[in-house]
C-alpha atoms as a PDB file:
ATOM      1  CA  MET A   1     102.899 113.933 -55.813  1.00  0.00           C
ATOM      2  CA  ILE A   2      99.682 112.882 -54.096  1.00  0.00           C
ATOM      3  CA  GLN A   3     100.410 110.142 -51.557  1.00  0.00           C
ATOM      4  CA  LYS A   4      98.560 106.889 -50.819  1.00  0.00           C
ATOM      5  CA  GLN A   5      97.609 108.083 -47.327  1.00  0.00           C
ATOM      6  CA  GLU A   6      95.842 111.135 -48.807  1.00  0.00           C
ATOM      7  CA  LEU A   7      93.463 108.846 -50.710  1.00  0.00           C
ATOM      8  CA  LEU A   8      92.816 106.756 -47.601  1.00  0.00           C
ATOM      9  CA  ASP A   9      92.187 109.871 -45.476  1.00  0.00           C
ATOM     10  CA  CYS A  10      89.885 111.318 -48.118  1.00  0.00           C
ATOM     11  CA  HIS A  11      87.833 108.145 -48.318  1.00  0.00           C
ATOM     12  CA  ARG A  12      87.310 108.133 -44.562  1.00  0.00           C
ATOM     13  CA  ARG A  13      86.432 111.849 -44.642  1.00  0.00           C
ATOM     14  CA  ILE A  14      83.752 111.656 -47.325  1.00  0.00           C
ATOM     15  CA  LYS A  15      82.268 108.266 -46.351  1.00  0.00           C
ATOM     16  CA  PRO A  16      79.324 109.739 -44.370  1.00  0.00           C
ATOM     17  CA  PHE A  17      78.312 111.909 -47.342  1.00  0.00           C
ATOM     18  CA  ILE A  18      78.527 109.495 -50.304  1.00  0.00           C
ATOM     19  CA  HIS A  19      77.195 106.115 -51.391  1.00  0.00           C
ATOM     20  CA  ARG A  20      79.520 103.171 -51.840  1.00  0.00           C
ATOM     21  CA  THR A  21      78.150 102.378 -55.288  1.00  0.00           C
ATOM     22  CA  THR A  22      77.471  98.894 -56.540  1.00  0.00           C
ATOM     23  CA  VAL A  23      79.475  97.016 -59.185  1.00  0.00           C
ATOM     24  CA  LEU A  24      77.478  95.290 -61.933  1.00  0.00           C
ATOM     25  CA  SER A  25      78.365  92.937 -64.761  1.00  0.00           C
ATOM     26  CA  SER A  26      76.626  91.534 -67.827  1.00  0.00           C
ATOM     27  CA  LYS A  27      77.275  88.119 -69.360  1.00  0.00           C
ATOM     28  CA  LEU A  28      76.253  89.435 -72.777  1.00  0.00           C
ATOM     29  CA  ILE A  29      78.603  92.414 -72.609  1.00  0.00           C
ATOM     30  CA  ASN A  30      81.382  90.114 -71.392  1.00  0.00           C
ATOM     31  CA  LYS A  31      80.790  87.948 -74.463  1.00  0.00           C
ATOM     32  CA  ILE A  32      80.780  90.937 -76.825  1.00  0.00           C
ATOM     33  CA  ALA A  33      83.929  92.388 -75.254  1.00  0.00           C
ATOM     34  CA  GLY A  34      85.744  89.069 -74.917  1.00  0.00           C
ATOM     35  CA  ALA A  35      86.643  90.098 -71.377  1.00  0.00           C
ATOM     36  CA  GLU A  36      85.231  90.145 -67.851  1.00  0.00           C
ATOM     37  CA  VAL A  37      83.846  93.651 -67.405  1.00  0.00           C
ATOM     38  CA  PHE A  38      82.978  95.176 -64.030  1.00  0.00           C
ATOM     39  CA  PHE A  39      80.951  98.400 -64.065  1.00  0.00           C
ATOM     40  CA  LYS A  40      81.424 100.732 -61.083  1.00  0.00           C
ATOM     41  CA  CYS A  41      77.997 102.388 -61.134  1.00  0.00           C
ATOM     42  CA  GLU A  42      78.545 105.991 -60.120  1.00  0.00           C
ATOM     43  CA  ASN A  43      75.241 106.772 -61.828  1.00  0.00           C
ATOM     44  CA  PHE A  44      73.835 105.518 -58.488  1.00  0.00           C
ATOM     45  CA  GLN A  45      75.938 108.042 -56.559  1.00  0.00           C
ATOM     46  CA  ARG A  46      74.297 110.952 -54.699  1.00  0.00           C
ATOM     47  CA  GLY A  47      73.712 113.659 -57.289  1.00  0.00           C
ATOM     48  CA  GLY A  48      73.767 111.026 -60.036  1.00  0.00           C
ATOM     49  CA  ALA A  49      77.527 111.110 -60.697  1.00  0.00           C
ATOM     50  CA  TYR A  50      80.980 110.387 -59.239  1.00  0.00           C
ATOM     51  CA  LYS A  51      81.622 114.112 -58.830  1.00  0.00           C
ATOM     52  CA  MET A  52      79.950 114.095 -55.426  1.00  0.00           C
ATOM     53  CA  ARG A  53      83.168 112.520 -54.139  1.00  0.00           C
ATOM     54  CA  GLY A  54      85.537 115.281 -55.170  1.00  0.00           C
ATOM     55  CA  ALA A  55      83.138 118.127 -54.441  1.00  0.00           C
ATOM     56  CA  THR A  56      82.476 116.875 -50.911  1.00  0.00           C
ATOM     57  CA  ASN A  57      86.163 116.370 -50.180  1.00  0.00           C
ATOM     58  CA  ALA A  58      87.039 119.867 -51.400  1.00  0.00           C
ATOM     59  CA  ILE A  59      84.327 121.517 -49.276  1.00  0.00           C
ATOM     60  CA  LEU A  60      85.276 119.489 -46.189  1.00  0.00           C
ATOM     61  CA  GLN A  61      88.872 120.707 -46.536  1.00  0.00           C
ATOM     62  CA  LEU A  62      87.820 124.378 -46.251  1.00  0.00           C
ATOM     63  CA  SER A  63      88.070 126.353 -43.015  1.00  0.00           C
ATOM     64  CA  ASP A  64      84.916 127.446 -41.167  1.00  0.00           C
ATOM     65  CA  GLU A  65      85.501 130.998 -42.422  1.00  0.00           C
ATOM     66  CA  GLN A  66      85.799 129.833 -46.030  1.00  0.00           C
ATOM     67  CA  ARG A  67      82.644 127.749 -45.747  1.00  0.00           C
ATOM     68  CA  GLY A  68      80.845 130.780 -44.322  1.00  0.00           C
ATOM     69  CA  ASN A  69      81.687 132.729 -47.492  1.00  0.00           C
ATOM     70  CA  GLY A  70      80.383 129.975 -49.757  1.00  0.00           C
ATOM     71  CA  VAL A  71      81.837 128.194 -52.774  1.00  0.00           C
ATOM     72  CA  VAL A  72      81.693 128.844 -56.503  1.00  0.00           C
ATOM     73  CA  THR A  73      82.332 126.614 -59.503  1.00  0.00           C
ATOM     74  CA  HIS A  74      81.645 126.421 -63.222  1.00  0.00           C
ATOM     75  CA  SER A  75      80.224 123.264 -64.764  1.00  0.00           C
ATOM     76  CA  SER A  76      77.998 122.002 -67.563  1.00  0.00           C
ATOM     77  CA  GLY A  77      76.146 119.863 -65.074  1.00  0.00           C
ATOM     78  CA  ASN A  78      77.441 117.024 -62.926  1.00  0.00           C
ATOM     79  CA  PHE A  79      80.000 118.961 -60.884  1.00  0.00           C
ATOM     80  CA  ALA A  80      77.447 121.762 -60.592  1.00  0.00           C
ATOM     81  CA  GLN A  81      74.996 119.346 -59.007  1.00  0.00           C
ATOM     82  CA  ALA A  82      77.686 117.754 -56.845  1.00  0.00           C
ATOM     83  CA  VAL A  83      78.872 121.083 -55.421  1.00  0.00           C
ATOM     84  CA  SER A  84      75.269 122.178 -54.836  1.00  0.00           C
ATOM     85  CA  LEU A  85      74.377 118.964 -53.005  1.00  0.00           C
ATOM     86  CA  GLY A  86      77.645 118.780 -51.091  1.00  0.00           C
ATOM     87  CA  ALA A  87      77.301 122.413 -50.040  1.00  0.00           C
ATOM     88  CA  LYS A  88      73.685 121.911 -48.996  1.00  0.00           C
ATOM     89  CA  SER A  89      74.670 118.892 -46.877  1.00  0.00           C
ATOM     90  CA  LEU A  90      77.242 121.037 -45.061  1.00  0.00           C
ATOM     91  CA  GLY A  91      75.217 124.255 -44.787  1.00  0.00           C
ATOM     92  CA  VAL A  92      77.320 126.146 -47.352  1.00  0.00           C
ATOM     93  CA  THR A  93      76.085 128.531 -50.089  1.00  0.00           C
ATOM     94  CA  ALA A  94      76.917 127.329 -53.635  1.00  0.00           C
ATOM     95  CA  HIS A  95      77.285 129.722 -56.583  1.00  0.00           C
ATOM     96  CA  ILE A  96      77.142 127.795 -59.868  1.00  0.00           C
ATOM     97  CA  VAL A  97      78.156 129.148 -63.291  1.00  0.00           C
ATOM     98  CA  MET A  98      76.543 127.061 -66.053  1.00  0.00           C
ATOM     99  CA  PRO A  99      76.716 127.489 -69.843  1.00  0.00           C
ATOM    100  CA  THR A 100      73.425 128.202 -71.584  1.00  0.00           C
ATOM    101  CA  SER A 101      73.916 124.911 -73.451  1.00  0.00           C
ATOM    102  CA  ALA A 102      73.877 122.809 -70.258  1.00  0.00           C
ATOM    103  CA  PRO A 103      71.167 120.110 -70.258  1.00  0.00           C
ATOM    104  CA  GLU A 104      67.954 121.206 -68.550  1.00  0.00           C
ATOM    105  CA  VAL A 105      67.938 118.076 -66.383  1.00  0.00           C
ATOM    106  CA  LYS A 106      71.247 119.178 -64.864  1.00  0.00           C
ATOM    107  CA  LYS A 107      70.080 122.770 -64.296  1.00  0.00           C
ATOM    108  CA  THR A 108      66.989 121.379 -62.567  1.00  0.00           C
ATOM    109  CA  GLY A 109      69.201 119.245 -60.333  1.00  0.00           C
ATOM    110  CA  VAL A 110      71.243 122.278 -59.274  1.00  0.00           C
ATOM    111  CA  LYS A 111      68.080 124.200 -58.390  1.00  0.00           C
ATOM    112  CA  GLU A 112      66.717 121.263 -56.388  1.00  0.00           C
ATOM    113  CA  TYR A 113      69.970 121.166 -54.400  1.00  0.00           C
ATOM    114  CA  GLU A 114      69.618 124.938 -53.762  1.00  0.00           C
ATOM    115  CA  GLY A 115      72.594 126.021 -55.867  1.00  0.00           C
ATOM    116  CA  ILE A 116      72.422 129.587 -57.225  1.00  0.00           C
ATOM    117  CA  ILE A 117      72.768 129.446 -61.035  1.00  0.00           C
ATOM    118  CA  TYR A 118      74.516 132.100 -63.150  1.00  0.00           C
ATOM    119  CA  GLU A 119      74.201 131.369 -66.869  1.00  0.00           C
ATOM    120  CA  CYS A 120      76.951 132.307 -69.334  1.00  0.00           C
ATOM    121  CA  GLU A 121      78.003 131.793 -72.937  1.00  0.00           C
ATOM    122  CA  PRO A 122      78.989 128.181 -73.689  1.00  0.00           C
ATOM    123  CA  THR A 123      82.752 128.781 -73.781  1.00  0.00           C
ATOM    124  CA  LEU A 124      85.436 127.888 -71.258  1.00  0.00           C
ATOM    125  CA  ASP A 125      86.625 131.510 -71.163  1.00  0.00           C
ATOM    126  CA  ALA A 126      83.129 132.740 -70.252  1.00  0.00           C
ATOM    127  CA  ARG A 127      82.741 130.086 -67.580  1.00  0.00           C
ATOM    128  CA  GLU A 128      86.063 130.887 -65.957  1.00  0.00           C
ATOM    129  CA  TYR A 129      85.571 134.667 -66.178  1.00  0.00           C
ATOM    130  CA  ASN A 130      82.164 134.535 -64.489  1.00  0.00           C
ATOM    131  CA  ALA A 131      83.301 132.114 -61.775  1.00  0.00           C
ATOM    132  CA  ASN A 132      86.336 134.282 -60.950  1.00  0.00           C
ATOM    133  CA  LYS A 133      84.184 137.430 -60.838  1.00  0.00           C
ATOM    134  CA  ILE A 134      81.701 135.813 -58.423  1.00  0.00           C
ATOM    135  CA  ALA A 135      84.604 134.675 -56.230  1.00  0.00           C
ATOM    136  CA  GLN A 136      85.926 138.257 -56.113  1.00  0.00           C
ATOM    137  CA  ASP A 137      82.501 139.809 -55.482  1.00  0.00           C
ATOM    138  CA  THR A 138      81.322 137.366 -52.782  1.00  0.00           C
ATOM    139  CA  GLY A 139      84.499 136.039 -51.180  1.00  0.00           C
ATOM    140  CA  ALA A 140      83.423 132.501 -52.147  1.00  0.00           C
ATOM    141  CA  THR A 141      86.148 129.876 -52.610  1.00  0.00           C
ATOM    142  CA  LEU A 142      86.576 128.786 -56.211  1.00  0.00           C
ATOM    143  CA  LEU A 143      86.439 125.006 -56.688  1.00  0.00           C
ATOM    144  CA  HIS A 144      87.746 123.852 -60.047  1.00  0.00           C
ATOM    145  CA  PRO A 145      85.712 120.912 -61.435  1.00  0.00           C
ATOM    146  CA  SER A 146      88.740 118.817 -62.374  1.00  0.00           C
ATOM    147  CA  ASN A 147      92.029 120.549 -61.552  1.00  0.00           C
ATOM    148  CA  ASP A 148      91.624 121.121 -57.794  1.00  0.00           C
ATOM    149  CA  ILE A 149      93.925 118.715 -55.884  1.00  0.00           C
ATOM    150  CA  ASP A 150      91.251 117.883 -53.286  1.00  0.00           C
ATOM    151  CA  VAL A 151      88.764 117.208 -56.097  1.00  0.00           C
ATOM    152  CA  ILE A 152      91.212 114.890 -57.900  1.00  0.00           C
ATOM    153  CA  ILE A 153      91.848 112.922 -54.697  1.00  0.00           C
ATOM    154  CA  GLY A 154      88.103 112.614 -54.056  1.00  0.00           C
ATOM    155  CA  GLN A 155      87.379 111.358 -57.571  1.00  0.00           C
ATOM    156  CA  GLY A 156      90.023 108.664 -57.140  1.00  0.00           C
ATOM    157  CA  THR A 157      88.011 106.991 -54.380  1.00  0.00           C
ATOM    158  CA  ALA A 158      85.629 105.392 -56.924  1.00  0.00           C
ATOM    159  CA  ALA A 159      88.476 103.382 -58.483  1.00  0.00           C
ATOM    160  CA  MET A 160      89.847 102.739 -54.990  1.00  0.00           C
ATOM    161  CA  GLU A 161      86.556 101.093 -53.979  1.00  0.00           C
ATOM    162  CA  LEU A 162      86.443  99.144 -57.239  1.00  0.00           C
ATOM    163  CA  LEU A 163      89.935  97.760 -56.567  1.00  0.00           C
ATOM    164  CA  GLU A 164      88.979  96.858 -52.998  1.00  0.00           C
ATOM    165  CA  ASP A 165      86.151  94.740 -54.445  1.00  0.00           C
ATOM    166  CA  TYR A 166      88.159  93.384 -57.420  1.00  0.00           C
ATOM    167  CA  PRO A 167      91.892  93.649 -56.606  1.00  0.00           C
ATOM    168  CA  ASP A 168      92.984  91.604 -59.631  1.00  0.00           C
ATOM    169  CA  LEU A 169      91.717  93.964 -62.348  1.00  0.00           C
ATOM    170  CA  ASN A 170      94.051  94.237 -65.328  1.00  0.00           C
ATOM    171  CA  ALA A 171      92.705  97.601 -66.463  1.00  0.00           C
ATOM    172  CA  ILE A 172      90.321 100.410 -65.552  1.00  0.00           C
ATOM    173  CA  PHE A 173      88.594 102.609 -68.125  1.00  0.00           C
ATOM    174  CA  CYS A 174      87.474 106.185 -67.366  1.00  0.00           C
ATOM    175  CA  PRO A 175      85.894 108.883 -69.519  1.00  0.00           C
ATOM    176  CA  VAL A 176      88.151 111.913 -70.030  1.00  0.00           C
ATOM    177  CA  GLY A 177      86.844 115.458 -69.851  1.00  0.00           C
ATOM    178  CA  GLY A 178      88.691 117.830 -67.554  1.00  0.00           C
ATOM    179  CA  GLY A 179      90.932 115.002 -66.346  1.00  0.00           C
ATOM    180  CA  GLY A 180      90.032 114.862 -62.649  1.00  0.00           C
ATOM    181  CA  LEU A 181      88.481 111.389 -62.711  1.00  0.00           C
ATOM    182  CA  ILE A 182      91.165 109.708 -64.780  1.00  0.00           C
ATOM    183  CA  ALA A 183      93.956 111.355 -62.765  1.00  0.00           C
ATOM    184  CA  GLY A 184      92.405 110.249 -59.470  1.00  0.00           C
ATOM    185  CA  SER A 185      91.706 106.773 -60.844  1.00  0.00           C
ATOM    186  CA  ALA A 186      95.280 106.457 -62.106  1.00  0.00           C
ATOM    187  CA  LEU A 187      96.585 107.282 -58.618  1.00  0.00           C
ATOM    188  CA  ALA A 188      94.214 104.722 -57.091  1.00  0.00           C
ATOM    189  CA  ALA A 189      95.414 102.065 -59.543  1.00  0.00           C
ATOM    190  CA  HIS A 190      99.045 102.991 -58.840  1.00  0.00           C
ATOM    191  CA  TYR A 191      98.649 102.641 -55.076  1.00  0.00           C
ATOM    192  CA  PHE A 192      95.993  99.930 -54.723  1.00  0.00           C
ATOM    193  CA  GLY A 193      96.086  97.948 -57.973  1.00  0.00           C
ATOM    194  CA  ASN A 194      98.152  94.900 -58.874  1.00  0.00           C
ATOM    195  CA  ASP A 195      99.787  96.109 -62.094  1.00  0.00           C
ATOM    196  CA  CYS A 196      96.405  97.595 -63.074  1.00  0.00           C
ATOM    197  CA  LYS A 197      96.638  99.909 -66.095  1.00  0.00           C
ATOM    198  CA  VAL A 198      94.324 102.894 -66.622  1.00  0.00           C
ATOM    199  CA  PHE A 199      92.914 103.937 -70.000  1.00  0.00           C
ATOM    200  CA  GLY A 200      90.787 106.875 -71.014  1.00  0.00           C
ATOM    201  CA  GLY A 201      87.851 106.954 -73.402  1.00  0.00           C
ATOM    202  CA  GLU A 202      87.383 110.167 -75.370  1.00  0.00           C
ATOM    203  CA  PRO A 203      85.230 111.315 -78.314  1.00  0.00           C
ATOM    204  CA  PHE A 204      87.012 112.100 -81.585  1.00  0.00           C
ATOM    205  CA  GLU A 205      85.012 115.357 -81.481  1.00  0.00           C
ATOM    206  CA  ALA A 206      86.760 116.432 -78.239  1.00  0.00           C
ATOM    207  CA  ASP A 207      90.070 114.550 -78.266  1.00  0.00           C
ATOM    208  CA  ASP A 208      92.246 117.113 -76.474  1.00  0.00           C
ATOM    209  CA  ALA A 209      93.542 114.570 -73.928  1.00  0.00           C
ATOM    210  CA  TYR A 210      94.640 112.183 -76.682  1.00  0.00           C
ATOM    211  CA  ARG A 211      96.476 114.983 -78.464  1.00  0.00           C
ATOM    212  CA  SER A 212      97.915 116.283 -75.194  1.00  0.00           C
ATOM    213  CA  LEU A 213      99.546 112.922 -74.472  1.00  0.00           C
ATOM    214  CA  GLN A 214     100.914 112.877 -78.023  1.00  0.00           C
ATOM    215  CA  SER A 215     102.411 116.367 -77.830  1.00  0.00           C
ATOM    216  CA  GLY A 216     103.396 116.368 -74.154  1.00  0.00           C
ATOM    217  CA  LYS A 217     101.562 119.628 -73.469  1.00  0.00           C
ATOM    218  CA  ILE A 218      97.956 120.566 -72.748  1.00  0.00           C
ATOM    219  CA  GLU A 219      96.010 120.943 -75.995  1.00  0.00           C
ATOM    220  CA  GLY A 220      92.651 122.607 -76.536  1.00  0.00           C
ATOM    221  CA  ASN A 221      89.668 121.827 -78.778  1.00  0.00           C
ATOM    222  CA  GLU A 222      88.621 123.968 -81.722  1.00  0.00           C
ATOM    223  CA  SER A 223      85.151 122.446 -81.547  1.00  0.00           C
ATOM    224  CA  THR A 224      83.361 120.062 -79.191  1.00  0.00           C
ATOM    225  CA  ASN A 225      80.503 118.735 -81.277  1.00  0.00           C
ATOM    226  CA  THR A 226      79.847 115.646 -79.174  1.00  0.00           C
ATOM    227  CA  LEU A 227      76.877 114.073 -77.407  1.00  0.00           C
ATOM    228  CA  ALA A 228      79.146 113.554 -74.396  1.00  0.00           C
ATOM    229  CA  ASP A 229      78.430 116.961 -72.853  1.00  0.00           C
ATOM    230  CA  GLY A 230      80.486 116.181 -69.744  1.00  0.00           C
ATOM    231  CA  LEU A 231      83.697 115.699 -71.779  1.00  0.00           C
ATOM    232  CA  LYS A 232      83.991 119.091 -73.473  1.00  0.00           C
ATOM    233  CA  THR A 233      86.497 120.628 -71.052  1.00  0.00           C
ATOM    234  CA  THR A 234      90.288 120.461 -71.262  1.00  0.00           C
ATOM    235  CA  LEU A 235      92.988 119.057 -68.981  1.00  0.00           C
ATOM    236  CA  GLY A 236      94.542 121.097 -66.168  1.00  0.00           C
ATOM    237  CA  SER A 237      97.984 121.891 -64.798  1.00  0.00           C
ATOM    238  CA  ASN A 238      97.522 119.659 -61.729  1.00  0.00           C
ATOM    239  CA  ASN A 239      95.961 116.605 -63.352  1.00  0.00           C
ATOM    240  CA  PHE A 240      97.954 116.494 -66.601  1.00  0.00           C
ATOM    241  CA  PRO A 241     101.287 115.526 -64.962  1.00  0.00           C
ATOM    242  CA  ILE A 242      99.503 112.655 -63.167  1.00  0.00           C
ATOM    243  CA  ILE A 243      97.898 111.554 -66.438  1.00  0.00           C
ATOM    244  CA  LYS A 244     101.220 111.685 -68.281  1.00  0.00           C
ATOM    245  CA  GLU A 245     102.917 109.536 -65.643  1.00  0.00           C
ATOM    246  CA  HIS A 246     100.235 106.988 -64.806  1.00  0.00           C
ATOM    247  CA  VAL A 247      97.746 106.651 -67.716  1.00  0.00           C
ATOM    248  CA  SER A 248      98.571 103.986 -70.296  1.00  0.00           C
ATOM    249  CA  GLY A 249      96.594 105.469 -73.180  1.00  0.00           C
ATOM    250  CA  ILE A 250      93.523 107.271 -74.500  1.00  0.00           C
ATOM    251  CA  ILE A 251      91.182 105.478 -76.906  1.00  0.00           C
ATOM    252  CA  ARG A 252      89.053 107.677 -79.151  1.00  0.00           C
ATOM    253  CA  VAL A 253      85.528 106.784 -80.264  1.00  0.00           C
ATOM    254  CA  THR A 254      83.004 108.086 -82.771  1.00  0.00           C
ATOM    255  CA  GLU A 255      79.604 109.535 -81.933  1.00  0.00           C
ATOM    256  CA  GLU A 256      77.993 106.440 -83.446  1.00  0.00           C
ATOM    257  CA  GLU A 257      80.058 104.182 -81.178  1.00  0.00           C
ATOM    258  CA  ILE A 258      79.032 106.246 -78.135  1.00  0.00           C
ATOM    259  CA  VAL A 259      75.327 105.912 -78.996  1.00  0.00           C
ATOM    260  CA  SER A 260      75.676 102.184 -79.653  1.00  0.00           C
ATOM    261  CA  ALA A 261      77.426 101.581 -76.309  1.00  0.00           C
ATOM    262  CA  MET A 262      74.904 103.732 -74.451  1.00  0.00           C
ATOM    263  CA  GLN A 263      72.009 101.796 -75.984  1.00  0.00           C
ATOM    264  CA  LEU A 264      73.692  98.478 -75.159  1.00  0.00           C
ATOM    265  CA  ILE A 265      73.991  99.431 -71.474  1.00  0.00           C
ATOM    266  CA  TRP A 266      70.405 100.707 -71.290  1.00  0.00           C
ATOM    267  CA  GLU A 267      68.955  97.636 -73.006  1.00  0.00           C
ATOM    268  CA  ARG A 268      71.074  94.876 -71.471  1.00  0.00           C
ATOM    269  CA  MET A 269      71.938  96.198 -68.015  1.00  0.00           C
ATOM    270  CA  LYS A 270      68.655  98.072 -67.445  1.00  0.00           C
ATOM    271  CA  ILE A 271      70.398 101.133 -66.023  1.00  0.00           C
ATOM    272  CA  ILE A 272      70.422 104.789 -67.066  1.00  0.00           C
ATOM    273  CA  VAL A 273      73.812 106.132 -68.139  1.00  0.00           C
ATOM    274  CA  GLU A 274      74.639 109.391 -69.897  1.00  0.00           C
ATOM    275  CA  PRO A 275      76.655 109.573 -73.142  1.00  0.00           C
ATOM    276  CA  SER A 276      79.846 110.582 -71.293  1.00  0.00           C
ATOM    277  CA  SER A 277      79.641 107.294 -69.351  1.00  0.00           C
ATOM    278  CA  ALA A 278      79.056 105.219 -72.470  1.00  0.00           C
ATOM    279  CA  VAL A 279      82.320 106.484 -73.955  1.00  0.00           C
ATOM    280  CA  THR A 280      84.218 104.042 -71.703  1.00  0.00           C
ATOM    281  CA  LEU A 281      82.448 100.919 -72.933  1.00  0.00           C
ATOM    282  CA  ALA A 282      82.686 102.224 -76.496  1.00  0.00           C
ATOM    283  CA  ALA A 283      86.459 102.589 -76.048  1.00  0.00           C
ATOM    284  CA  LEU A 284      86.807  99.036 -74.709  1.00  0.00           C
ATOM    285  CA  LEU A 285      84.755  97.567 -77.554  1.00  0.00           C
ATOM    286  CA  THR A 286      86.707  99.581 -80.143  1.00  0.00           C
ATOM    287  CA  ASP A 287      90.007  98.164 -78.878  1.00  0.00           C
ATOM    288  CA  LYS A 288      88.788  94.838 -77.482  1.00  0.00           C
ATOM    289  CA  GLU A 289      91.513  92.704 -79.087  1.00  0.00           C
ATOM    290  CA  ASN A 290      94.036  94.288 -76.707  1.00  0.00           C
ATOM    291  CA  PHE A 291      91.951  93.329 -73.651  1.00  0.00           C
ATOM    292  CA  LYS A 292      90.925  89.805 -74.601  1.00  0.00           C
ATOM    293  CA  ASN A 293      90.347  87.522 -71.578  1.00  0.00           C
ATOM    294  CA  GLN A 294      91.313  90.300 -69.167  1.00  0.00           C
ATOM    295  CA  LYS A 295      89.440  91.642 -66.153  1.00  0.00           C
ATOM    296  CA  VAL A 296      88.422  95.216 -66.916  1.00  0.00           C
ATOM    297  CA  GLY A 297      86.830  97.799 -64.641  1.00  0.00           C
ATOM    298  CA  ILE A 298      84.729 100.577 -66.112  1.00  0.00           C
ATOM    299  CA  ILE A 299      83.780 103.712 -64.214  1.00  0.00           C
ATOM    300  CA  ILE A 300      80.210 104.629 -65.186  1.00  0.00           C
ATOM    301  CA  SER A 301      80.592 108.303 -64.423  1.00  0.00           C
ATOM    302  CA  GLY A 302      76.961 109.399 -64.268  1.00  0.00           C
ATOM    303  CA  GLY A 303      73.337 108.946 -65.226  1.00  0.00           C
ATOM    304  CA  ASN A 304      71.938 112.470 -65.498  1.00  0.00           C
ATOM    305  CA  VAL A 305      70.145 112.283 -68.831  1.00  0.00           C
ATOM    306  CA  ASP A 306      67.544 114.526 -70.434  1.00  0.00           C
ATOM    307  CA  LEU A 307      65.005 111.820 -71.294  1.00  0.00           C
ATOM    308  CA  SER A 308      63.377 114.050 -73.912  1.00  0.00           C
ATOM    309  CA  LYS A 309      66.628 114.113 -75.933  1.00  0.00           C
ATOM    310  CA  LEU A 310      67.800 110.503 -76.086  1.00  0.00           C
ATOM    311  CA  PRO A 311      70.051 109.740 -79.083  1.00  0.00           C
ATOM    312  CA  PHE A 312      68.284 106.436 -79.778  1.00  0.00           C
END
């Protein structure tokens, strides 16, 4: 079990390399939701997403010899950019396996942060095979985007900061892809919240986490036909036990609800969020009767959007 002190130590460790992101609210969205909603804007994080936290922590935990051999990961975008930027900041070579279906804006970000891209077929098996092969060929340390313990701890610092600013939150909502963010956030709520529950938002088109909690074992997806490109991966052996113990539920949303929530944030809050981030607000609005008059935190996971392919 990850301990409270590990989160505190991690936060101190990564502080020089990350932004403490702002928290925004909207009177209109509060009215629509029937709750006080506080958005932790990780779209303003370095690299455009919360994943800079976990990537930086994982790299900082490596030995000098390991850093000298570089790091490798597989990602459809945000973790790819985070590892590339974190590695660049620390003088480490980053090998990045990306599916051919990854958004161009995210590939461009990796290149700008000097990550070395290796494209593969858009399947989890292909991603993992290529990343493992690069690790064997180069001696680079493999960093899993969501199942690495140091990554999970790092991702939890966003919710930790949110609870420092608003200690009386009743609930925190996170998007669920590989499970690193929601697992880290659930630990933060457990240690730093005041009976603060954690809920996940997930597309019906990639609802493996919802089904995993129902069955008690990690489930896969037969298809992942969702706009939320960051949520197509499945849970891992390290994060799933944390999710089972500390997450109160997963709320599924349709593609139409994701687009509507994304448009609402863009229009009313004047900030850029990607579809994976909008899943959280969509989940709250879908189930708003259960959160009436509560104080709800929402982790806006990222804002790396291909502006030529907006869904509205």
